[in-house]
Protein backbone atom coordinates (compact mmCIF):
# COMPACT_ATOMS: atom_id res chain seq x y z
CA MET A 1 -30.70 -19.07 -33.46
CA ALA A 2 -29.73 -15.72 -32.08
CA SER A 3 -30.49 -17.07 -28.63
CA CYS A 4 -27.49 -19.36 -29.03
CA VAL A 5 -25.35 -16.43 -27.98
CA MET A 6 -27.72 -13.88 -26.56
CA LYS A 7 -28.61 -15.16 -23.10
CA ARG A 8 -26.77 -12.24 -21.52
CA ALA A 9 -28.12 -9.61 -23.91
CA GLY A 10 -30.87 -7.22 -22.87
CA SER A 11 -34.46 -8.19 -23.61
CA SER A 12 -34.90 -5.31 -26.08
CA ALA A 13 -31.93 -6.55 -28.12
CA ILE A 14 -33.35 -10.08 -28.14
CA GLN A 15 -36.75 -8.80 -29.27
CA SER A 16 -35.32 -6.69 -32.08
CA VAL A 17 -33.13 -9.50 -33.42
CA SER A 18 -35.96 -12.02 -33.13
CA ALA A 19 -38.32 -9.67 -34.99
CA ALA A 20 -35.79 -9.22 -37.78
CA LEU A 21 -35.32 -12.96 -38.07
CA ARG A 22 -39.03 -13.62 -38.51
CA ILE A 23 -38.71 -12.08 -41.97
CA ARG A 24 -37.03 -14.95 -43.79
CA SER A 25 -37.10 -16.56 -47.16
CA TYR A 26 -37.91 -20.22 -47.52
CA ALA A 27 -35.28 -22.75 -48.47
CA LYS A 28 -34.55 -23.55 -52.10
CA ILE A 29 -34.70 -27.26 -51.37
CA ALA A 30 -37.74 -29.35 -50.48
CA SER A 31 -38.73 -32.99 -50.49
CA GLY A 32 -37.58 -34.61 -53.72
CA THR A 33 -34.75 -32.14 -54.35
CA ASP A 34 -31.38 -33.55 -55.34
CA ILE A 35 -29.16 -31.86 -52.78
CA VAL A 36 -26.03 -32.45 -54.90
CA SER A 37 -27.57 -30.70 -57.92
CA ALA A 38 -28.84 -27.88 -55.70
CA ALA A 39 -25.30 -27.24 -54.47
CA PRO A 40 -23.16 -28.02 -57.55
CA ASN A 41 -19.39 -27.94 -57.18
CA VAL A 42 -19.71 -27.25 -53.46
CA SER A 43 -17.49 -28.92 -50.88
CA LEU A 44 -17.47 -29.00 -47.10
CA GLN A 45 -14.51 -29.24 -44.78
CA LYS A 46 -14.44 -32.22 -42.42
CA ALA A 47 -13.76 -31.21 -38.81
CA ARG A 48 -10.05 -31.60 -38.00
CA THR A 49 -7.10 -30.11 -36.19
CA TRP A 50 -4.92 -27.49 -37.86
CA ASP A 51 -2.10 -30.03 -38.27
CA GLU A 52 -4.49 -32.48 -39.94
CA GLY A 53 -5.53 -29.68 -42.28
CA VAL A 54 -1.92 -28.99 -43.20
CA ASP A 55 -1.18 -32.70 -43.69
CA SER A 56 -4.19 -33.06 -46.01
CA LYS A 57 -3.17 -29.93 -47.94
CA PHE A 58 -6.45 -28.38 -46.72
CA SER A 59 -8.53 -30.93 -48.60
CA THR A 60 -12.30 -30.59 -48.83
CA THR A 61 -15.12 -33.12 -49.20
CA PRO A 62 -17.41 -32.81 -52.24
CA ILE A 63 -21.10 -32.89 -51.35
CA LYS A 64 -21.61 -35.97 -53.54
CA ASP A 65 -19.15 -37.94 -51.40
CA ILE A 66 -21.24 -37.26 -48.30
CA PHE A 67 -24.55 -38.37 -49.82
CA LYS A 68 -23.95 -40.79 -52.73
CA ASP A 69 -25.40 -44.26 -52.09
CA LYS A 70 -26.03 -43.39 -48.43
CA LYS A 71 -28.89 -42.69 -46.05
CA VAL A 72 -27.90 -39.51 -44.23
CA VAL A 73 -29.45 -37.34 -41.56
CA ILE A 74 -27.96 -33.85 -41.75
CA PHE A 75 -28.66 -30.91 -39.51
CA GLY A 76 -27.44 -27.33 -39.68
CA LEU A 77 -27.16 -24.77 -36.93
CA PRO A 78 -25.97 -21.18 -36.43
CA GLY A 79 -22.61 -21.88 -34.87
CA ALA A 80 -20.21 -23.85 -32.76
CA TYR A 81 -19.99 -23.06 -29.05
CA THR A 82 -23.30 -21.22 -28.96
CA GLY A 83 -25.85 -21.94 -26.23
CA VAL A 84 -28.91 -23.56 -27.82
CA CYS A 85 -26.75 -25.32 -30.39
CA SER A 86 -24.51 -26.80 -27.70
CA SER A 87 -27.15 -27.69 -25.12
CA LYS A 88 -30.32 -28.54 -27.06
CA HIS A 89 -29.50 -29.33 -30.69
CA VAL A 90 -26.39 -31.53 -30.86
CA PRO A 91 -26.71 -33.66 -27.67
CA PRO A 92 -29.99 -35.42 -28.63
CA TYR A 93 -28.46 -36.46 -31.96
CA LYS A 94 -25.44 -37.88 -30.13
CA ASP A 95 -27.61 -39.59 -27.51
CA ASN A 96 -29.84 -41.21 -30.15
CA ILE A 97 -27.12 -42.38 -32.54
CA GLU A 98 -27.96 -46.06 -31.99
CA LYS A 99 -31.60 -45.39 -32.91
CA PHE A 100 -30.45 -43.74 -36.15
CA LYS A 101 -28.23 -46.73 -36.94
CA ALA A 102 -31.10 -49.12 -36.21
CA LYS A 103 -33.13 -47.29 -38.86
CA GLY A 104 -30.37 -47.84 -41.42
CA ILE A 105 -28.82 -44.37 -41.31
CA ASP A 106 -25.22 -44.46 -42.55
CA SER A 107 -24.20 -41.14 -41.04
CA VAL A 108 -25.50 -38.25 -38.98
CA VAL A 109 -23.91 -34.99 -40.10
CA CYS A 110 -23.74 -31.63 -38.34
CA VAL A 111 -22.80 -28.59 -40.43
CA ALA A 112 -22.37 -24.91 -39.60
CA ILE A 113 -20.85 -21.83 -41.18
CA ASN A 114 -17.62 -22.21 -39.23
CA ASP A 115 -14.08 -23.31 -40.05
CA PRO A 116 -13.30 -27.03 -39.66
CA TYR A 117 -10.87 -26.41 -36.78
CA THR A 118 -13.52 -24.75 -34.64
CA MET A 119 -15.95 -27.54 -35.52
CA HIS A 120 -13.36 -30.13 -34.45
CA ALA A 121 -12.69 -28.50 -31.08
CA TRP A 122 -16.42 -28.08 -30.46
CA ALA A 123 -17.15 -31.72 -31.36
CA GLU A 124 -14.48 -32.80 -28.89
CA LYS A 125 -15.90 -30.55 -26.17
CA LEU A 126 -19.36 -32.08 -26.72
CA GLN A 127 -17.81 -35.58 -26.81
CA ALA A 128 -19.78 -36.14 -30.01
CA LYS A 129 -17.14 -36.65 -32.70
CA ASP A 130 -17.38 -40.46 -32.56
CA ALA A 131 -21.15 -40.38 -33.13
CA ILE A 132 -21.66 -37.44 -35.48
CA GLU A 133 -19.68 -36.26 -38.51
CA PHE A 134 -18.97 -32.54 -38.14
CA TYR A 135 -18.30 -30.33 -41.17
CA GLY A 136 -17.47 -26.68 -41.62
CA ASP A 137 -19.03 -24.59 -44.38
CA PHE A 138 -16.32 -21.97 -43.99
CA ASP A 139 -17.58 -19.51 -46.61
CA GLY A 140 -21.27 -20.41 -46.39
CA SER A 141 -21.38 -21.65 -49.99
CA PHE A 142 -23.33 -24.81 -49.10
CA HIS A 143 -25.98 -22.99 -47.11
CA LYS A 144 -26.20 -20.15 -49.64
CA SER A 145 -26.75 -22.67 -52.46
CA LEU A 146 -29.66 -24.17 -50.54
CA GLU A 147 -30.98 -20.75 -49.41
CA LEU A 148 -30.62 -21.81 -45.79
CA VAL A 149 -28.82 -18.70 -44.54
CA THR A 150 -29.96 -15.96 -42.20
CA ASP A 151 -28.48 -12.64 -41.13
CA LEU A 152 -27.49 -12.75 -37.47
CA SER A 153 -25.56 -9.47 -37.50
CA GLY A 154 -27.67 -8.30 -34.57
CA ALA A 155 -26.02 -11.06 -32.51
CA LEU A 156 -22.58 -10.20 -33.97
CA LEU A 157 -22.52 -13.43 -35.99
CA GLY A 158 -23.06 -12.13 -39.53
CA THR A 159 -24.35 -14.56 -42.14
CA ARG A 160 -25.13 -17.90 -40.56
CA SER A 161 -27.02 -21.11 -41.17
CA GLU A 162 -30.69 -21.46 -40.40
CA ARG A 163 -31.45 -24.15 -37.82
CA TRP A 164 -32.61 -27.10 -39.91
CA SER A 165 -32.53 -30.85 -40.48
CA ALA A 166 -33.04 -33.17 -43.43
CA TYR A 167 -33.26 -36.87 -44.19
CA VAL A 168 -31.42 -37.54 -47.46
CA VAL A 169 -31.28 -40.84 -49.40
CA ASP A 170 -28.70 -41.11 -52.21
CA GLY A 171 -28.69 -37.33 -52.50
CA LYS A 172 -32.48 -36.95 -52.63
CA VAL A 173 -34.14 -34.97 -49.84
CA LYS A 174 -36.90 -37.06 -48.28
CA THR A 175 -37.84 -34.55 -45.62
CA LEU A 176 -36.68 -31.04 -44.66
CA ASN A 177 -37.37 -29.21 -41.40
CA VAL A 178 -36.52 -25.52 -40.94
CA GLU A 179 -37.15 -23.69 -37.68
CA GLU A 180 -39.25 -20.53 -37.76
CA ALA A 181 -37.75 -18.86 -34.67
CA PRO A 182 -34.08 -18.55 -33.71
CA SER A 183 -34.54 -20.05 -30.27
CA ASP A 184 -36.56 -23.06 -31.43
CA VAL A 185 -35.53 -26.67 -31.63
CA LYS A 186 -39.08 -27.77 -32.41
CA VAL A 187 -38.84 -29.36 -35.84
CA SER A 188 -35.10 -29.79 -36.44
CA GLY A 189 -34.30 -31.95 -33.43
CA ALA A 190 -33.37 -35.63 -33.30
CA ASP A 191 -36.75 -36.87 -32.09
CA THR A 192 -38.62 -35.24 -34.97
CA ILE A 193 -36.45 -36.62 -37.72
CA LEU A 194 -36.30 -40.07 -36.14
CA GLY A 195 -40.07 -40.16 -36.56
CA GLN A 196 -39.74 -39.17 -40.23
CA ILE A 197 -37.36 -41.92 -41.31
């Protein structure tokens, strides 16, 4: 995760941040968890322009509206515009969207602890907004509820999302994948979760 933004940092800085990140708690959710109950009264903010935010009176989307009566693949990542997230995590989900649809997935969702305006601009830059639904978790309440946060202060990011993915059916988590190392896209990528559906 830290490697998303640390390509130019010195190797000692990378090693110290990576070592700190190895000490992590495990997520509160697991297979069988009701994600809506695990994050009660939590909403996300659909990616949008500032003007769209104003027009909607800064509306939010309750978690239940994202998952109820749907088959959803959701993946979280440390942040918009960061290296690994932009080059290795999002593109395979975009490129495989037809395979997800063929497996009956209603939506593929990307979420990060960012504001919805940054998420919108990033989705446009990646040319992924027509394939993937992007949401901001502006205050981290969703990720904190699920215990999927990590401290990336060493990379000047503060509290951020773990890198993870889940297959969720009508709010119930069928499978959850959380990366062990910040630079990894080993278990949370599109290919892995396609094989789990």
